[in-house]
Amino acid sequence: MVDEKKVLEQTVLEIIRLPSGEYAMRKAGEEEPLITVNLSQCVKDGLNGQSEELARMILVAGAKMMSELSLESAEASRPPKPVVH
């Protein structure tokens, strides 16, 4: 049986900028993004050159939430540990 926690801990994610101007997070070595962020021009203009930092923060928060939900799901699907009296 695969230990999902170890697999999640070993997954390397990278943040990239797509040709469309969107920012994305994907598994290293894969093409398909897991999460994409598209900031409007209005938001970009208001960030004084910090739009990449905002996109990074959003993507990292999304990845953290995905990881936590995945771990919760894996734990919920495991049979309960026997009670020893």
N, C-alpha and C. Protein backbone atom coordinates (compact mmCIF):
# COMPACT_ATOMS: atom_id res chain seq x y z
N MET A 1 0.84 -1.19 0.00
CA MET A 1 0.00 0.00 0.00
C MET A 1 0.88 1.25 0.00
N VAL A 2 0.50 2.24 -0.79
CA VAL A 2 1.27 3.47 -0.90
C VAL A 2 0.93 4.39 0.27
N ASP A 3 1.96 4.91 0.92
CA ASP A 3 1.76 5.86 2.01
C ASP A 3 1.53 7.23 1.37
N GLU A 4 0.26 7.67 1.36
CA GLU A 4 -0.09 8.93 0.68
C GLU A 4 0.62 10.12 1.28
N LYS A 5 0.84 10.10 2.58
CA LYS A 5 1.52 11.22 3.22
C LYS A 5 2.94 11.36 2.68
N LYS A 6 3.65 10.23 2.53
CA LYS A 6 5.00 10.28 1.99
C LYS A 6 5.00 10.76 0.55
N VAL A 7 4.02 10.32 -0.23
CA VAL A 7 3.93 10.74 -1.63
C VAL A 7 3.71 12.25 -1.70
N LEU A 8 2.81 12.77 -0.87
CA LEU A 8 2.54 14.20 -0.86
C LEU A 8 3.77 14.99 -0.43
N GLU A 9 4.48 14.47 0.56
CA GLU A 9 5.67 15.17 1.04
C GLU A 9 6.76 15.20 -0.02
N GLN A 10 6.77 14.21 -0.91
CA GLN A 10 7.81 14.11 -1.92
C GLN A 10 7.45 14.79 -3.22
N THR A 11 6.23 15.27 -3.38
CA THR A 11 5.81 15.93 -4.59
C THR A 11 6.46 17.30 -4.67
N VAL A 12 7.16 17.54 -5.77
CA VAL A 12 7.81 18.82 -5.97
C VAL A 12 6.92 19.65 -6.89
N LEU A 13 6.55 20.82 -6.42
CA LEU A 13 5.71 21.72 -7.18
C LEU A 13 6.53 22.91 -7.64
N GLU A 14 6.16 23.44 -8.81
CA GLU A 14 6.86 24.62 -9.31
C GLU A 14 5.84 25.65 -9.76
N ILE A 15 6.20 26.90 -9.58
CA ILE A 15 5.35 28.00 -10.01
C ILE A 15 5.96 28.55 -11.29
N ILE A 16 5.09 28.69 -12.29
CA ILE A 16 5.56 29.17 -13.60
C ILE A 16 4.65 30.28 -14.09
N ARG A 17 5.14 31.01 -15.07
CA ARG A 17 4.30 32.00 -15.76
C ARG A 17 4.02 31.45 -17.14
N LEU A 18 2.76 31.34 -17.46
CA LEU A 18 2.33 30.80 -18.74
C LEU A 18 2.44 31.87 -19.82
N PRO A 19 2.52 31.44 -21.09
CA PRO A 19 2.58 32.42 -22.19
C PRO A 19 1.40 33.39 -22.18
N SER A 20 0.27 32.96 -21.63
CA SER A 20 -0.93 33.81 -21.55
C SER A 20 -0.79 34.93 -20.51
N GLY A 21 0.25 34.85 -19.68
CA GLY A 21 0.44 35.83 -18.61
C GLY A 21 -0.09 35.34 -17.27
N GLU A 22 -0.80 34.22 -17.28
CA GLU A 22 -1.29 33.65 -16.04
C GLU A 22 -0.12 33.00 -15.29
N TYR A 23 -0.30 32.87 -14.00
CA TYR A 23 0.67 32.14 -13.18
C TYR A 23 0.06 30.78 -12.88
N ALA A 24 0.91 29.77 -12.76
CA ALA A 24 0.40 28.42 -12.53
C ALA A 24 1.32 27.65 -11.62
N MET A 25 0.75 26.67 -10.94
CA MET A 25 1.52 25.72 -10.15
C MET A 25 1.28 24.35 -10.76
N ARG A 26 2.37 23.63 -10.95
CA ARG A 26 2.28 22.29 -11.51
C ARG A 26 3.29 21.39 -10.82
N LYS A 27 3.08 20.08 -10.98
CA LYS A 27 4.07 19.13 -10.49
C LYS A 27 5.29 19.25 -11.39
N ALA A 28 6.47 19.23 -10.77
CA ALA A 28 7.70 19.36 -11.53
C ALA A 28 7.77 18.28 -12.61
N GLY A 29 8.12 18.68 -13.81
CA GLY A 29 8.26 17.75 -14.91
C GLY A 29 6.97 17.49 -15.67
N GLU A 30 5.85 18.05 -15.22
CA GLU A 30 4.58 17.86 -15.90
C GLU A 30 4.16 19.15 -16.57
N GLU A 31 3.36 19.03 -17.60
CA GLU A 31 2.89 20.19 -18.35
C GLU A 31 1.59 20.77 -17.80
N GLU A 32 0.69 19.90 -17.34
CA GLU A 32 -0.64 20.32 -16.92
C GLU A 32 -0.60 21.03 -15.56
N PRO A 33 -1.07 22.29 -15.51
CA PRO A 33 -1.10 22.99 -14.22
C PRO A 33 -2.14 22.41 -13.28
N LEU A 34 -1.84 22.43 -11.99
CA LEU A 34 -2.80 22.03 -10.96
C LEU A 34 -3.70 23.21 -10.60
N ILE A 35 -3.11 24.40 -10.58
CA ILE A 35 -3.81 25.62 -10.21
C ILE A 35 -3.31 26.73 -11.13
N THR A 36 -4.22 27.58 -11.59
CA THR A 36 -3.80 28.76 -12.35
C THR A 36 -4.40 30.00 -11.71
N VAL A 37 -3.69 31.11 -11.85
CA VAL A 37 -4.15 32.39 -11.32
C VAL A 37 -4.04 33.41 -12.45
N ASN A 38 -5.13 34.10 -12.70
CA ASN A 38 -5.15 35.15 -13.71
C ASN A 38 -5.51 36.45 -13.02
N LEU A 39 -4.57 37.35 -12.94
CA LEU A 39 -4.82 38.65 -12.31
C LEU A 39 -5.24 39.64 -13.38
N SER A 40 -6.27 40.41 -13.10
CA SER A 40 -6.72 41.42 -14.06
C SER A 40 -5.66 42.51 -14.19
N GLN A 41 -5.73 43.24 -15.28
CA GLN A 41 -4.79 44.32 -15.50
C GLN A 41 -4.94 45.39 -14.42
N CYS A 42 -6.17 45.58 -13.97
CA CYS A 42 -6.43 46.56 -12.91
C CYS A 42 -5.68 46.18 -11.63
N VAL A 43 -5.71 44.90 -11.28
CA VAL A 43 -5.00 44.43 -10.09
C VAL A 43 -3.49 44.56 -10.30
N LYS A 44 -3.01 44.14 -11.46
CA LYS A 44 -1.57 44.25 -11.76
C LYS A 44 -1.10 45.69 -11.64
N ASP A 45 -1.88 46.61 -12.18
CA ASP A 45 -1.51 48.03 -12.13
C ASP A 45 -1.46 48.54 -10.70
N GLY A 46 -2.33 48.03 -9.84
CA GLY A 46 -2.38 48.49 -8.46
C GLY A 46 -1.32 47.87 -7.56
N LEU A 47 -0.60 46.89 -8.07
CA LEU A 47 0.38 46.20 -7.23
C LEU A 47 1.82 46.69 -7.42
N ASN A 48 2.00 47.68 -8.23
CA ASN A 48 3.33 48.28 -8.42
C ASN A 48 4.43 47.25 -8.65
N GLY A 49 4.19 46.34 -9.59
CA GLY A 49 5.21 45.36 -9.93
C GLY A 49 5.26 44.15 -9.01
N GLN A 50 4.34 44.03 -8.08
CA GLN A 50 4.34 42.91 -7.13
C GLN A 50 3.31 41.83 -7.49
N SER A 51 2.83 41.82 -8.73
CA SER A 51 1.79 40.86 -9.09
C SER A 51 2.30 39.42 -9.02
N GLU A 52 3.56 39.20 -9.32
CA GLU A 52 4.11 37.84 -9.22
C GLU A 52 4.09 37.36 -7.78
N GLU A 53 4.39 38.23 -6.86
CA GLU A 53 4.38 37.87 -5.43
C GLU A 53 2.96 37.53 -4.97
N LEU A 54 1.96 38.30 -5.40
CA LEU A 54 0.58 38.00 -5.04
C LEU A 54 0.17 36.64 -5.61
N ALA A 55 0.48 36.40 -6.88
CA ALA A 55 0.15 35.12 -7.51
C ALA A 55 0.81 33.97 -6.77
N ARG A 56 2.07 34.14 -6.37
CA ARG A 56 2.79 33.09 -5.63
C ARG A 56 2.09 32.80 -4.31
N MET A 57 1.68 33.83 -3.61
CA MET A 57 1.01 33.64 -2.32
C MET A 57 -0.32 32.89 -2.50
N ILE A 58 -1.07 33.24 -3.53
CA ILE A 58 -2.34 32.57 -3.80
C ILE A 58 -2.10 31.10 -4.14
N LEU A 59 -1.11 30.83 -4.99
CA LEU A 59 -0.82 29.45 -5.40
C LEU A 59 -0.34 28.60 -4.24
N VAL A 60 0.51 29.15 -3.40
CA VAL A 60 1.01 28.41 -2.23
C VAL A 60 -0.14 28.10 -1.27
N ALA A 61 -1.03 29.07 -1.06
CA ALA A 61 -2.19 28.83 -0.18
C ALA A 61 -3.08 27.73 -0.77
N GLY A 62 -3.27 27.74 -2.08
CA GLY A 62 -4.08 26.71 -2.73
C GLY A 62 -3.45 25.34 -2.61
N ALA A 63 -2.14 25.26 -2.80
CA ALA A 63 -1.44 23.98 -2.68
C ALA A 63 -1.51 23.44 -1.26
N LYS A 64 -1.38 24.34 -0.28
CA LYS A 64 -1.46 23.92 1.13
C LYS A 64 -2.84 23.37 1.43
N MET A 65 -3.88 24.03 0.95
CA MET A 65 -5.23 23.57 1.19
C MET A 65 -5.47 22.22 0.52
N MET A 66 -5.00 22.05 -0.71
CA MET A 66 -5.14 20.77 -1.41
C MET A 66 -4.45 19.65 -0.64
N SER A 67 -3.27 19.93 -0.12
CA SER A 67 -2.51 18.94 0.63
C SER A 67 -3.24 18.55 1.92
N GLU A 68 -3.74 19.55 2.64
CA GLU A 68 -4.44 19.28 3.89
C GLU A 68 -5.72 18.47 3.64
N LEU A 69 -6.47 18.82 2.61
CA LEU A 69 -7.70 18.09 2.30
C LEU A 69 -7.40 16.66 1.86
N SER A 70 -6.32 16.49 1.13
CA SER A 70 -5.93 15.16 0.68
C SER A 70 -5.54 14.28 1.88
N LEU A 71 -4.81 14.85 2.82
CA LEU A 71 -4.42 14.11 4.02
C LEU A 71 -5.64 13.75 4.86
N GLU A 72 -6.57 14.69 5.00
CA GLU A 72 -7.80 14.42 5.76
C GLU A 72 -8.59 13.30 5.12
N SER A 73 -8.67 13.32 3.80
CA SER A 73 -9.40 12.29 3.07
C SER A 73 -8.74 10.93 3.25
N ALA A 74 -7.41 10.90 3.18
CA ALA A 74 -6.67 9.64 3.35
C ALA A 74 -6.87 9.09 4.76
N GLU A 75 -6.84 9.97 5.76
CA GLU A 75 -7.02 9.53 7.13
C GLU A 75 -8.44 9.02 7.38
N ALA A 76 -9.42 9.67 6.76
CA ALA A 76 -10.81 9.27 6.95
C ALA A 76 -11.10 7.92 6.31
N SER A 77 -10.36 7.57 5.27
CA SER A 77 -10.61 6.31 4.57
C SER A 77 -9.88 5.13 5.21
N ARG A 78 -9.01 5.40 6.14
CA ARG A 78 -8.30 4.31 6.84
C ARG A 78 -9.22 3.69 7.88
N PRO A 79 -9.11 2.38 8.06
CA PRO A 79 -9.90 1.74 9.13
C PRO A 79 -9.42 2.24 10.49
N PRO A 80 -10.32 2.34 11.46
CA PRO A 80 -9.91 2.80 12.79
C PRO A 80 -8.91 1.84 13.42
N LYS A 81 -8.02 2.40 14.21
CA LYS A 81 -7.06 1.58 14.93
C LYS A 81 -7.79 0.81 16.03
N PRO A 82 -7.40 -0.43 16.25
CA PRO A 82 -8.03 -1.20 17.32
C PRO A 82 -7.73 -0.59 18.68
N VAL A 83 -8.70 -0.69 19.56
CA VAL A 83 -8.53 -0.18 20.93
C VAL A 83 -7.98 -1.30 21.79
N VAL A 84 -6.88 -1.03 22.44
CA VAL A 84 -6.27 -2.01 23.33
C VAL A 84 -6.59 -1.64 24.77
N HIS A 85 -7.18 -2.57 25.50
CA HIS A 85 -7.56 -2.29 26.89
C HIS A 85 -6.61 -2.96 27.84
